[in-house]
Amino acid sequence: MRELLSLPDGAVRPRWDAGPTGGEPFIVVNASDDTPIGTAHREFDGEREVEILRRSLLTEVQFEAFGTNAYALLSKLQLVLESSAALSALKNRVRGAILRCSQVIDVSAAIGGGPEERARFTATFTHTHAVEIAQPRIASVDITVHTDRNTESITIEPPSTEQ
């Protein structure tokens, strides 16, 4: 986002990062809600011995701009989010896309006796979240069989292949 808008370092930050305010405009980003779409898809990679779980999500992201020309800055952001560079980055980095954007709203206010320009909009993104879980190979299995008269235990091991 910062690169798309040609903004300096620190001008785009997550909500939890207070950062410096100063006189330069800045954008605060807050991903507030993930909604799963369907169930997880599982696949096993035997060579790497991992199970890969993937789930599609809808994520609501709120963008808020503060400072001079806040409304114009978010209007520009909303437009550049539809650029080839932004759409390609979403697709390649998080298997995502923009589903919809709300209108940009001017929420300017008087702060500390003076006006502060503010604006905000919300975008809904769809993306895929993936997690890998180790699934080590089973080298042997112990089996115990109980009957009315007896208990038997055996260990089953795969045949060894000599090379």
Protein backbone atom coordinates (compact mmCIF):
# COMPACT_ATOMS: atom_id res chain seq x y z
CA MET A 1 0.00 0.00 0.00
CA ARG A 2 2.74 2.40 0.97
CA GLU A 3 4.52 1.71 -2.32
CA LEU A 4 1.33 2.02 -4.37
CA LEU A 5 0.71 5.49 -2.90
CA SER A 6 4.41 6.51 -2.89
CA LEU A 7 4.27 7.32 0.82
CA PRO A 8 7.28 7.49 3.18
CA ASP A 9 8.16 4.75 5.69
CA GLY A 10 5.80 4.76 8.67
CA ALA A 11 2.95 6.43 6.75
CA VAL A 12 0.96 3.17 6.63
CA ARG A 13 0.75 1.15 9.81
CA PRO A 14 -1.44 -1.32 11.70
CA ARG A 15 -3.91 0.00 14.29
CA TRP A 16 -1.86 -1.30 17.24
CA ASP A 17 1.25 0.65 16.17
CA ALA A 18 0.86 4.17 17.58
CA GLY A 19 3.80 5.57 15.58
CA PRO A 20 4.58 9.27 15.19
CA THR A 21 1.76 11.53 14.09
CA GLY A 22 3.51 14.80 13.19
CA GLY A 23 2.07 16.90 10.38
CA GLU A 24 2.31 14.36 7.57
CA PRO A 25 -0.80 12.37 6.58
CA PHE A 26 -0.82 8.69 7.49
CA ILE A 27 -3.04 5.63 7.08
CA VAL A 28 -4.00 3.16 9.80
CA VAL A 29 -5.02 -0.36 8.73
CA ASN A 30 -7.11 -2.70 10.88
CA ALA A 31 -8.11 -6.23 9.85
CA SER A 32 -11.08 -6.69 12.13
CA ASP A 33 -13.04 -9.77 11.12
CA ASP A 34 -12.24 -13.12 9.47
CA THR A 35 -15.16 -15.25 8.29
CA PRO A 36 -14.39 -18.81 7.11
CA ILE A 37 -15.84 -19.87 3.75
CA GLY A 38 -16.61 -23.58 3.90
CA THR A 39 -14.35 -26.19 5.45
CA ALA A 40 -10.60 -26.62 5.29
CA HIS A 41 -9.03 -28.50 2.39
CA ARG A 42 -6.38 -31.03 3.46
CA GLU A 43 -3.55 -32.50 1.47
CA PHE A 44 -0.56 -34.61 2.45
CA ASP A 45 2.98 -34.08 1.17
CA GLY A 46 4.66 -37.43 1.89
CA GLU A 47 8.07 -36.32 0.69
CA ARG A 48 8.20 -33.48 3.23
CA GLU A 49 6.03 -35.40 5.76
CA VAL A 50 3.57 -32.54 6.32
CA GLU A 51 -0.19 -32.13 6.16
CA ILE A 52 -1.23 -28.85 4.54
CA LEU A 53 -4.53 -27.30 5.63
CA ARG A 54 -6.02 -24.50 3.53
CA ARG A 55 -9.13 -22.47 4.24
CA SER A 56 -10.69 -19.59 2.33
CA LEU A 57 -11.59 -16.54 4.40
CA LEU A 58 -13.40 -13.25 4.01
CA THR A 59 -11.58 -10.49 5.89
CA GLU A 60 -12.94 -7.03 6.64
CA VAL A 61 -10.16 -4.43 6.61
CA GLN A 62 -10.76 -0.85 7.73
CA PHE A 63 -8.55 1.90 6.31
CA GLU A 64 -8.43 5.25 8.13
CA ALA A 65 -6.46 8.28 6.96
CA PHE A 66 -5.47 11.20 9.18
CA GLY A 67 -4.04 14.56 8.18
CA THR A 68 -4.12 16.92 5.23
CA ASN A 69 -6.10 15.57 2.26
CA ALA A 70 -7.14 12.41 4.15
CA TYR A 71 -10.24 11.97 2.00
CA ALA A 72 -8.31 12.36 -1.27
CA LEU A 73 -5.62 9.96 -0.03
CA LEU A 74 -8.15 7.19 0.69
CA SER A 75 -9.99 7.84 -2.58
CA LYS A 76 -6.67 7.32 -4.37
CA LEU A 77 -5.93 4.19 -2.29
CA GLN A 78 -9.31 2.70 -3.16
CA LEU A 79 -8.56 3.20 -6.84
CA VAL A 80 -4.96 1.89 -6.77
CA LEU A 81 -6.16 -1.26 -4.95
CA GLU A 82 -7.67 -2.16 -8.34
CA SER A 83 -4.36 -1.70 -10.19
CA SER A 84 -2.58 -4.63 -11.81
CA ALA A 85 0.28 -4.32 -9.30
CA ALA A 86 -2.06 -4.51 -6.28
CA LEU A 87 -4.20 -7.34 -7.65
CA SER A 88 -1.11 -9.32 -8.65
CA ALA A 89 0.46 -8.86 -5.20
CA LEU A 90 -2.74 -10.02 -3.48
CA LYS A 91 -2.98 -13.06 -5.73
CA ASN A 92 0.68 -14.07 -5.40
CA ARG A 93 1.25 -13.32 -1.70
CA VAL A 94 -1.95 -14.51 -0.03
CA ARG A 95 -3.99 -16.08 -2.84
CA GLY A 96 -6.38 -13.19 -2.39
CA ALA A 97 -8.63 -10.73 -4.18
CA ILE A 98 -10.72 -7.67 -3.37
CA LEU A 99 -14.38 -8.54 -3.10
CA ARG A 100 -15.86 -5.10 -2.39
CA CYS A 101 -15.15 -1.64 -0.95
CA SER A 102 -17.45 0.70 0.92
CA GLN A 103 -17.61 4.37 0.01
CA VAL A 104 -14.96 6.69 1.44
CA ILE A 105 -16.48 8.65 4.33
CA ASP A 106 -15.23 12.02 5.59
CA VAL A 107 -15.03 11.76 9.39
CA SER A 108 -13.06 14.95 10.06
CA ALA A 109 -13.27 16.27 13.62
CA ALA A 110 -12.13 19.07 15.90
CA ILE A 111 -9.28 17.71 18.02
CA GLY A 112 -7.66 19.81 20.74
CA GLY A 113 -9.32 22.98 19.54
CA GLY A 114 -8.31 22.55 15.90
CA PRO A 115 -9.66 20.66 12.90
CA GLU A 116 -8.20 17.30 11.90
CA GLU A 117 -8.96 15.82 8.51
CA ARG A 118 -9.97 12.17 8.68
CA ALA A 119 -11.52 9.68 6.30
CA ARG A 120 -12.27 5.97 6.29
CA PHE A 121 -13.51 3.06 4.20
CA THR A 122 -13.80 -0.69 4.61
CA ALA A 123 -12.73 -3.31 2.08
CA THR A 124 -13.63 -7.00 2.04
CA PHE A 125 -10.88 -9.32 0.86
CA THR A 126 -11.08 -13.01 0.11
CA HIS A 127 -7.88 -14.98 0.66
CA THR A 128 -6.55 -18.41 1.50
CA HIS A 129 -4.88 -19.16 4.82
CA ALA A 130 -2.53 -22.18 4.87
CA VAL A 131 -0.99 -24.06 7.79
CA GLU A 132 1.52 -26.92 7.64
CA ILE A 133 1.50 -29.58 10.35
CA ALA A 134 4.27 -32.14 10.72
CA GLN A 135 3.14 -35.70 9.99
CA PRO A 136 6.20 -37.87 10.65
CA ARG A 137 6.42 -41.30 9.07
CA ILE A 138 5.17 -44.18 11.22
CA ALA A 139 8.13 -46.53 11.60
CA SER A 140 6.29 -49.28 13.46
CA VAL A 141 2.91 -50.04 15.03
CA ASP A 142 2.21 -51.98 18.20
CA ILE A 143 -0.99 -54.04 18.11
CA THR A 144 -2.51 -55.72 21.15
CA VAL A 145 -5.40 -58.18 20.77
CA HIS A 146 -7.51 -59.16 23.79
CA THR A 147 -9.71 -62.27 23.77
CA ASP A 148 -11.61 -64.01 26.57
CA ARG A 149 -8.66 -66.31 27.25
CA ASN A 150 -5.58 -64.57 26.03
CA THR A 151 -3.79 -61.34 25.17
CA GLU A 152 -1.34 -61.15 22.30
CA SER A 153 0.89 -58.25 21.32
CA ILE A 154 2.86 -57.82 18.14
CA THR A 155 4.83 -55.04 16.50
CA ILE A 156 4.45 -54.48 12.79
CA GLU A 157 7.32 -52.85 10.94
CA PRO A 158 7.54 -52.11 7.25
CA PRO A 159 9.99 -54.29 5.34
CA SER A 160 13.43 -52.78 5.11
CA THR A 161 14.71 -52.04 1.65
CA GLU A 162 18.44 -52.41 1.30
CA GLN A 163 20.13 -50.25 -1.27
